[in-house]
Amino acid sequence: MGLTDDPFDWRVTQDRQVLISRRGRTVTTVRGASAERLIGRLDRADEEQAQQLLARATGHYKH
């Protein structure tokens, strides 16, 4: 099961945290400067690139 079949979801909170979830459960929360960098990259990314960025942020990119 890959990122295409089982993609990550993400949202930015009011206080600029990035909540990354998969299968309806929050996997990780990115905060601070890392969150700002990730938000900038996600805004410029297409869907495939965004999934790769989210996988790396969660540490699940090797699977």
PDB file of N, CA and C in Angstrom:
ATOM      1  N   MET A   1       0.855  -1.174   0.000  1.00  0.00           N
ATOM      2  CA  MET A   1       0.000   0.000   0.000  1.00  0.00           C
ATOM      3  C   MET A   1       0.899   1.233   0.000  1.00  0.00           C
ATOM      4  N   GLY A   2       0.791   2.052  -1.022  1.00  0.00           N
ATOM      5  CA  GLY A   2       1.650   3.219  -1.155  1.00  0.00           C
ATOM      6  C   GLY A   2       0.938   4.515  -0.842  1.00  0.00           C
ATOM      7  N   LEU A   3       1.617   5.590  -1.132  1.00  0.00           N
ATOM      8  CA  LEU A   3       1.068   6.911  -0.861  1.00  0.00           C
ATOM      9  C   LEU A   3      -0.126   7.226  -1.754  1.00  0.00           C
ATOM     10  N   THR A   4      -0.163   6.628  -2.931  1.00  0.00           N
ATOM     11  CA  THR A   4      -1.289   6.857  -3.830  1.00  0.00           C
ATOM     12  C   THR A   4      -2.546   6.188  -3.293  1.00  0.00           C
ATOM     13  N   ASP A   5      -2.402   4.973  -2.776  1.00  0.00           N
ATOM     14  CA  ASP A   5      -3.535   4.216  -2.256  1.00  0.00           C
ATOM     15  C   ASP A   5      -3.966   4.676  -0.866  1.00  0.00           C
ATOM     16  N   ASP A   6      -3.008   5.155  -0.101  1.00  0.00           N
ATOM     17  CA  ASP A   6      -3.269   5.523   1.295  1.00  0.00           C
ATOM     18  C   ASP A   6      -2.541   6.833   1.616  1.00  0.00           C
ATOM     19  N   PRO A   7      -3.048   7.953   1.084  1.00  0.00           N
ATOM     20  CA  PRO A   7      -2.323   9.222   1.217  1.00  0.00           C
ATOM     21  C   PRO A   7      -2.420   9.831   2.622  1.00  0.00           C
ATOM     22  N   PHE A   8      -1.473  10.703   2.893  1.00  0.00           N
ATOM     23  CA  PHE A   8      -1.502  11.512   4.112  1.00  0.00           C
ATOM     24  C   PHE A   8      -2.455  12.680   3.897  1.00  0.00           C
ATOM     25  N   ASP A   9      -3.076  13.129   4.962  1.00  0.00           N
ATOM     26  CA  ASP A   9      -3.869  14.365   4.962  1.00  0.00           C
ATOM     27  C   ASP A   9      -3.124  15.345   5.848  1.00  0.00           C
ATOM     28  N   TRP A  10      -3.334  16.631   5.608  1.00  0.00           N
ATOM     29  CA  TRP A  10      -2.681  17.623   6.443  1.00  0.00           C
ATOM     30  C   TRP A  10      -3.546  18.862   6.538  1.00  0.00           C
ATOM     31  N   ARG A  11      -3.331  19.595   7.615  1.00  0.00           N
ATOM     32  CA  ARG A  11      -3.998  20.882   7.777  1.00  0.00           C
ATOM     33  C   ARG A  11      -3.126  21.770   8.646  1.00  0.00           C
ATOM     34  N   VAL A  12      -3.285  23.064   8.431  1.00  0.00           N
ATOM     35  CA  VAL A  12      -2.541  24.060   9.201  1.00  0.00           C
ATOM     36  C   VAL A  12      -3.492  24.645  10.226  1.00  0.00           C
ATOM     37  N   THR A  13      -3.080  24.639  11.485  1.00  0.00           N
ATOM     38  CA  THR A  13      -3.905  25.191  12.547  1.00  0.00           C
ATOM     39  C   THR A  13      -3.746  26.709  12.606  1.00  0.00           C
ATOM     40  N   GLN A  14      -4.571  27.345  13.428  1.00  0.00           N
ATOM     41  CA  GLN A  14      -4.506  28.795  13.589  1.00  0.00           C
ATOM     42  C   GLN A  14      -3.144  29.257  14.068  1.00  0.00           C
ATOM     43  N   ASP A  15      -2.508  28.471  14.902  1.00  0.00           N
ATOM     44  CA  ASP A  15      -1.195  28.856  15.427  1.00  0.00           C
ATOM     45  C   ASP A  15      -0.045  28.303  14.584  1.00  0.00           C
ATOM     46  N   ARG A  16      -0.346  28.000  13.300  1.00  0.00           N
ATOM     47  CA  ARG A  16       0.650  27.622  12.288  1.00  0.00           C
ATOM     48  C   ARG A  16       1.365  26.310  12.582  1.00  0.00           C
ATOM     49  N   GLN A  17       0.674  25.372  13.181  1.00  0.00           N
ATOM     50  CA  GLN A  17       1.188  24.014  13.309  1.00  0.00           C
ATOM     51  C   GLN A  17       0.639  23.209  12.140  1.00  0.00           C
ATOM     52  N   VAL A  18       1.389  22.220  11.695  1.00  0.00           N
ATOM     53  CA  VAL A  18       0.928  21.348  10.620  1.00  0.00           C
ATOM     54  C   VAL A  18       0.584  20.000  11.238  1.00  0.00           C
ATOM     55  N   LEU A  19      -0.681  19.631  11.161  1.00  0.00           N
ATOM     56  CA  LEU A  19      -1.140  18.336  11.656  1.00  0.00           C
ATOM     57  C   LEU A  19      -1.188  17.383  10.465  1.00  0.00           C
ATOM     58  N   ILE A  20      -0.435  16.299  10.564  1.00  0.00           N
ATOM     59  CA  ILE A  20      -0.374  15.317   9.489  1.00  0.00           C
ATOM     60  C   ILE A  20      -1.073  14.057   9.967  1.00  0.00           C
ATOM     61  N   SER A  21      -2.031  13.591   9.160  1.00  0.00           N
ATOM     62  CA  SER A  21      -2.788  12.406   9.560  1.00  0.00           C
ATOM     63  C   SER A  21      -2.844  11.411   8.413  1.00  0.00           C
ATOM     64  N   ARG A  22      -3.167  10.199   8.801  1.00  0.00           N
ATOM     65  CA  ARG A  22      -3.331   9.113   7.839  1.00  0.00           C
ATOM     66  C   ARG A  22      -4.373   8.167   8.403  1.00  0.00           C
ATOM     67  N   ARG A  23      -5.296   7.758   7.558  1.00  0.00           N
ATOM     68  CA  ARG A  23      -6.408   6.887   7.976  1.00  0.00           C
ATOM     69  C   ARG A  23      -7.193   7.509   9.136  1.00  0.00           C
ATOM     70  N   GLY A  24      -7.303   8.831   9.137  1.00  0.00           N
ATOM     71  CA  GLY A  24      -8.115   9.516  10.137  1.00  0.00           C
ATOM     72  C   GLY A  24      -7.444   9.750  11.473  1.00  0.00           C
ATOM     73  N   ARG A  25      -6.191   9.340  11.619  1.00  0.00           N
ATOM     74  CA  ARG A  25      -5.479   9.524  12.885  1.00  0.00           C
ATOM     75  C   ARG A  25      -4.295  10.455  12.691  1.00  0.00           C
ATOM     76  N   THR A  26      -4.102  11.355  13.642  1.00  0.00           N
ATOM     77  CA  THR A  26      -2.954  12.253  13.574  1.00  0.00           C
ATOM     78  C   THR A  26      -1.682  11.448  13.790  1.00  0.00           C
ATOM     79  N   VAL A  27      -0.769  11.551  12.827  1.00  0.00           N
ATOM     80  CA  VAL A  27       0.487  10.823  12.877  1.00  0.00           C
ATOM     81  C   VAL A  27       1.546  11.670  13.575  1.00  0.00           C
ATOM     82  N   THR A  28       1.603  12.950  13.211  1.00  0.00           N
ATOM     83  CA  THR A  28       2.588  13.846  13.809  1.00  0.00           C
ATOM     84  C   THR A  28       2.119  15.284  13.698  1.00  0.00           C
ATOM     85  N   THR A  29       2.719  16.133  14.512  1.00  0.00           N
ATOM     86  CA  THR A  29       2.482  17.570  14.477  1.00  0.00           C
ATOM     87  C   THR A  29       3.829  18.244  14.288  1.00  0.00           C
ATOM     88  N   VAL A  30       3.896  19.117  13.296  1.00  0.00           N
ATOM     89  CA  VAL A  30       5.125  19.861  13.026  1.00  0.00           C
ATOM     90  C   VAL A  30       4.890  21.286  13.496  1.00  0.00           C
ATOM     91  N   ARG A  31       5.847  21.811  14.280  1.00  0.00           N
ATOM     92  CA  ARG A  31       5.696  23.136  14.877  1.00  0.00           C
ATOM     93  C   ARG A  31       6.880  24.043  14.542  1.00  0.00           C
ATOM     94  N   GLY A  32       6.703  25.318  14.795  1.00  0.00           N
ATOM     95  CA  GLY A  32       7.798  26.280  14.717  1.00  0.00           C
ATOM     96  C   GLY A  32       8.339  26.492  13.315  1.00  0.00           C
ATOM     97  N   ALA A  33       9.665  26.706  13.245  1.00  0.00           N
ATOM     98  CA  ALA A  33      10.322  26.990  11.971  1.00  0.00           C
ATOM     99  C   ALA A  33      10.170  25.831  10.994  1.00  0.00           C
ATOM    100  N   SER A  34      10.179  24.611  11.493  1.00  0.00           N
ATOM    101  CA  SER A  34       9.994  23.443  10.622  1.00  0.00           C
ATOM    102  C   SER A  34       8.616  23.473   9.969  1.00  0.00           C
ATOM    103  N   ALA A  35       7.622  23.871  10.730  1.00  0.00           N
ATOM    104  CA  ALA A  35       6.261  23.963  10.185  1.00  0.00           C
ATOM    105  C   ALA A  35       6.187  25.034   9.109  1.00  0.00           C
ATOM    106  N   GLU A  36       6.820  26.170   9.347  1.00  0.00           N
ATOM    107  CA  GLU A  36       6.801  27.247   8.351  1.00  0.00           C
ATOM    108  C   GLU A  36       7.477  26.805   7.053  1.00  0.00           C
ATOM    109  N   ARG A  37       8.605  26.110   7.155  1.00  0.00           N
ATOM    110  CA  ARG A  37       9.284  25.602   5.956  1.00  0.00           C
ATOM    111  C   ARG A  37       8.401  24.594   5.226  1.00  0.00           C
ATOM    112  N   LEU A  38       7.783  23.697   5.989  1.00  0.00           N
ATOM    113  CA  LEU A  38       6.924  22.681   5.387  1.00  0.00           C
ATOM    114  C   LEU A  38       5.714  23.318   4.706  1.00  0.00           C
ATOM    115  N   ILE A  39       5.108  24.300   5.329  1.00  0.00           N
ATOM    116  CA  ILE A  39       3.953  24.986   4.733  1.00  0.00           C
ATOM    117  C   ILE A  39       4.345  25.615   3.400  1.00  0.00           C
ATOM    118  N   GLY A  40       5.501  26.280   3.374  1.00  0.00           N
ATOM    119  CA  GLY A  40       5.970  26.893   2.130  1.00  0.00           C
ATOM    120  C   GLY A  40       6.181  25.876   1.035  1.00  0.00           C
ATOM    121  N   ARG A  41       6.773  24.750   1.388  1.00  0.00           N
ATOM    122  CA  ARG A  41       7.021  23.693   0.396  1.00  0.00           C
ATOM    123  C   ARG A  41       5.721  23.053  -0.070  1.00  0.00           C
ATOM    124  N   LEU A  42       4.797  22.836   0.851  1.00  0.00           N
ATOM    125  CA  LEU A  42       3.512  22.229   0.490  1.00  0.00           C
ATOM    126  C   LEU A  42       2.707  23.145  -0.423  1.00  0.00           C
ATOM    127  N   ASP A  43       2.793  24.448  -0.192  1.00  0.00           N
ATOM    128  CA  ASP A  43       2.058  25.405  -1.028  1.00  0.00           C
ATOM    129  C   ASP A  43       2.525  25.371  -2.479  1.00  0.00           C
ATOM    130  N   ARG A  44       3.799  25.033  -2.697  1.00  0.00           N
ATOM    131  CA  ARG A  44       4.365  25.006  -4.049  1.00  0.00           C
ATOM    132  C   ARG A  44       4.335  23.608  -4.684  1.00  0.00           C
ATOM    133  N   ALA A  45       3.999  22.602  -3.926  1.00  0.00           N
ATOM    134  CA  ALA A  45       4.091  21.215  -4.390  1.00  0.00           C
ATOM    135  C   ALA A  45       2.813  20.742  -5.074  1.00  0.00           C
ATOM    136  N   ASP A  46       2.999  19.828  -6.032  1.00  0.00           N
ATOM    137  CA  ASP A  46       1.835  19.141  -6.570  1.00  0.00           C
ATOM    138  C   ASP A  46       1.486  18.009  -5.593  1.00  0.00           C
ATOM    139  N   GLU A  47       0.468  17.251  -5.887  1.00  0.00           N
ATOM    140  CA  GLU A  47      -0.017  16.236  -4.939  1.00  0.00           C
ATOM    141  C   GLU A  47       1.040  15.173  -4.641  1.00  0.00           C
ATOM    142  N   GLU A  48       1.730  14.696  -5.658  1.00  0.00           N
ATOM    143  CA  GLU A  48       2.745  13.670  -5.444  1.00  0.00           C
ATOM    144  C   GLU A  48       3.900  14.203  -4.592  1.00  0.00           C
ATOM    145  N   GLN A  49       4.344  15.399  -4.899  1.00  0.00           N
ATOM    146  CA  GLN A  49       5.423  16.014  -4.118  1.00  0.00           C
ATOM    147  C   GLN A  49       4.981  16.258  -2.678  1.00  0.00           C
ATOM    148  N   ALA A  50       3.731  16.700  -2.514  1.00  0.00           N
ATOM    149  CA  ALA A  50       3.206  16.951  -1.166  1.00  0.00           C
ATOM    150  C   ALA A  50       3.206  15.662  -0.350  1.00  0.00           C
ATOM    151  N   GLN A  51       2.818  14.551  -0.971  1.00  0.00           N
ATOM    152  CA  GLN A  51       2.800  13.277  -0.258  1.00  0.00           C
ATOM    153  C   GLN A  51       4.206  12.873   0.169  1.00  0.00           C
ATOM    154  N   GLN A  52       5.193  13.118  -0.678  1.00  0.00           N
ATOM    155  CA  GLN A  52       6.578  12.810  -0.333  1.00  0.00           C
ATOM    156  C   GLN A  52       7.057  13.692   0.834  1.00  0.00           C
ATOM    157  N   LEU A  53       6.719  14.965   0.794  1.00  0.00           N
ATOM    158  CA  LEU A  53       7.090  15.875   1.884  1.00  0.00           C
ATOM    159  C   LEU A  53       6.457  15.435   3.199  1.00  0.00           C
ATOM    160  N   LEU A  54       5.186  15.052   3.144  1.00  0.00           N
ATOM    161  CA  LEU A  54       4.487  14.622   4.357  1.00  0.00           C
ATOM    162  C   LEU A  54       5.067  13.318   4.884  1.00  0.00           C
ATOM    163  N   ALA A  55       5.408  12.408   3.989  1.00  0.00           N
ATOM    164  CA  ALA A  55       6.016  11.141   4.407  1.00  0.00           C
ATOM    165  C   ALA A  55       7.349  11.394   5.099  1.00  0.00           C
ATOM    166  N   ARG A  56       8.142  12.284   4.539  1.00  0.00           N
ATOM    167  CA  ARG A  56       9.434  12.606   5.161  1.00  0.00           C
ATOM    168  C   ARG A  56       9.236  13.260   6.524  1.00  0.00           C
ATOM    169  N   ALA A  57       8.249  14.135   6.628  1.00  0.00           N
ATOM    170  CA  ALA A  57       7.992  14.815   7.901  1.00  0.00           C
ATOM    171  C   ALA A  57       7.567  13.841   8.995  1.00  0.00           C
ATOM    172  N   THR A  58       6.922  12.750   8.597  1.00  0.00           N
ATOM    173  CA  THR A  58       6.478  11.763   9.572  1.00  0.00           C
ATOM    174  C   THR A  58       7.515  10.688   9.836  1.00  0.00           C
ATOM    175  N   GLY A  59       8.531  10.600   8.978  1.00  0.00           N
ATOM    176  CA  GLY A  59       9.530   9.552   9.117  1.00  0.00           C
ATOM    177  C   GLY A  59       9.139   8.259   8.437  1.00  0.00           C
ATOM    178  N   HIS A  60       8.046   8.257   7.653  1.00  0.00           N
ATOM    179  CA  HIS A  60       7.565   7.062   6.979  1.00  0.00           C
ATOM    180  C   HIS A  60       7.986   7.001   5.507  1.00  0.00           C
ATOM    181  N   TYR A  61       9.038   7.700   5.143  1.00  0.00           N
ATOM    182  CA  TYR A  61       9.416   7.754   3.733  1.00  0.00           C
ATOM    183  C   TYR A  61      10.166   6.528   3.261  1.00  0.00           C
ATOM    184  N   LYS A  62      10.662   5.693   4.157  1.00  0.00           N
ATOM    185  CA  LYS A  62      11.409   4.510   3.741  1.00  0.00           C
ATOM    186  C   LYS A  62      10.506   3.318   3.475  1.00  0.00           C
ATOM    187  N   HIS A  63       9.242   3.412   3.806  1.00  0.00           N
ATOM    188  CA  HIS A  63       8.324   2.281   3.675  1.00  0.00           C
ATOM    189  C   HIS A  63       7.710   2.239   2.307  1.00  0.00           C
TER     190      HIS A  63
END
